[in-house]
Amino acid sequence: MWQRFTPYDLRVIGHYLGTLLLFFAALMALPLATALVFQEWEPAARYLAAIGITMVAGAIASIANLGPV
């Protein structure tokens, strides 16, 4: 049988998905630092853009689901 998700289930999934995205954004700081150390500016800019997009998506996913059911 297919499981039917309640709004509370979707809030929990969204919260933890957002938290996971924020951790991925933090982990992308290591390649960014490596690119900066070796003065590779184009890859560093792309990592910085990816970190920004991932942080925004993670923040929206984890914060948007905090309201009451």
Protein backbone atom coordinates (compact mmCIF):
# COMPACT_ATOMS: atom_id res chain seq x y z
CA MET A 1 0.00 0.00 0.00
CA TRP A 2 1.06 3.55 -0.62
CA GLN A 3 1.71 5.58 2.47
CA ARG A 4 -0.24 8.80 2.76
CA PHE A 5 1.79 11.62 4.27
CA THR A 6 0.22 14.06 6.67
CA PRO A 7 1.21 17.75 6.70
CA TYR A 8 3.21 17.07 9.86
CA ASP A 9 5.21 14.36 8.06
CA LEU A 10 6.01 16.76 5.24
CA ARG A 11 7.13 19.41 7.76
CA VAL A 12 9.52 16.95 9.39
CA ILE A 13 10.88 15.83 6.02
CA GLY A 14 11.36 19.44 4.94
CA HIS A 15 13.11 20.35 8.16
CA TYR A 16 15.61 17.52 8.01
CA LEU A 17 16.15 17.95 4.28
CA GLY A 18 16.95 21.62 4.91
CA THR A 19 19.36 20.71 7.70
CA LEU A 20 21.07 18.20 5.41
CA LEU A 21 21.43 20.84 2.70
CA LEU A 22 23.01 23.24 5.19
CA PHE A 23 25.55 20.57 6.15
CA PHE A 24 26.35 20.00 2.47
CA ALA A 25 26.91 23.73 2.06
CA ALA A 26 29.30 23.70 5.01
CA LEU A 27 31.19 20.75 3.54
CA MET A 28 31.64 22.63 0.26
CA ALA A 29 33.78 25.15 2.12
CA LEU A 30 36.74 22.74 2.00
CA PRO A 31 37.01 22.71 -1.82
CA LEU A 32 36.41 26.45 -1.80
CA ALA A 33 39.33 26.97 0.57
CA THR A 34 41.51 24.70 -1.56
CA ALA A 35 40.65 26.66 -4.70
CA LEU A 36 41.47 29.92 -2.92
CA VAL A 37 44.82 28.60 -1.65
CA PHE A 38 45.86 27.56 -5.16
CA GLN A 39 44.50 30.84 -6.62
CA GLU A 40 42.00 29.17 -8.91
CA TRP A 41 39.52 32.00 -9.05
CA GLU A 42 36.95 30.63 -11.51
CA PRO A 43 36.37 27.34 -9.62
CA ALA A 44 36.31 29.30 -6.36
CA ALA A 45 33.58 31.56 -7.71
CA ARG A 46 31.56 28.53 -8.79
CA TYR A 47 31.96 26.88 -5.39
CA LEU A 48 30.90 30.12 -3.72
CA ALA A 49 27.80 30.31 -5.93
CA ALA A 50 26.96 26.66 -5.20
CA ILE A 51 27.38 27.24 -1.46
CA GLY A 52 25.09 30.25 -1.61
CA ILE A 53 22.37 28.45 -3.55
CA THR A 54 22.57 25.41 -1.28
CA MET A 55 22.44 27.54 1.88
CA VAL A 56 19.40 29.48 0.65
CA ALA A 57 17.57 26.28 -0.34
CA GLY A 58 18.44 24.64 2.99
CA ALA A 59 17.38 27.66 5.01
CA ILE A 60 14.07 27.90 3.17
CA ALA A 61 13.39 24.18 3.57
CA SER A 62 14.21 24.10 7.28
CA ILE A 63 12.65 27.42 8.32
CA ALA A 64 9.51 27.33 6.14
CA ASN A 65 8.19 24.32 8.03
CA LEU A 66 8.21 25.71 11.57
CA GLY A 67 4.59 26.87 11.76
CA PRO A 68 1.89 25.06 13.77
CA VAL A 69 0.05 22.16 12.15
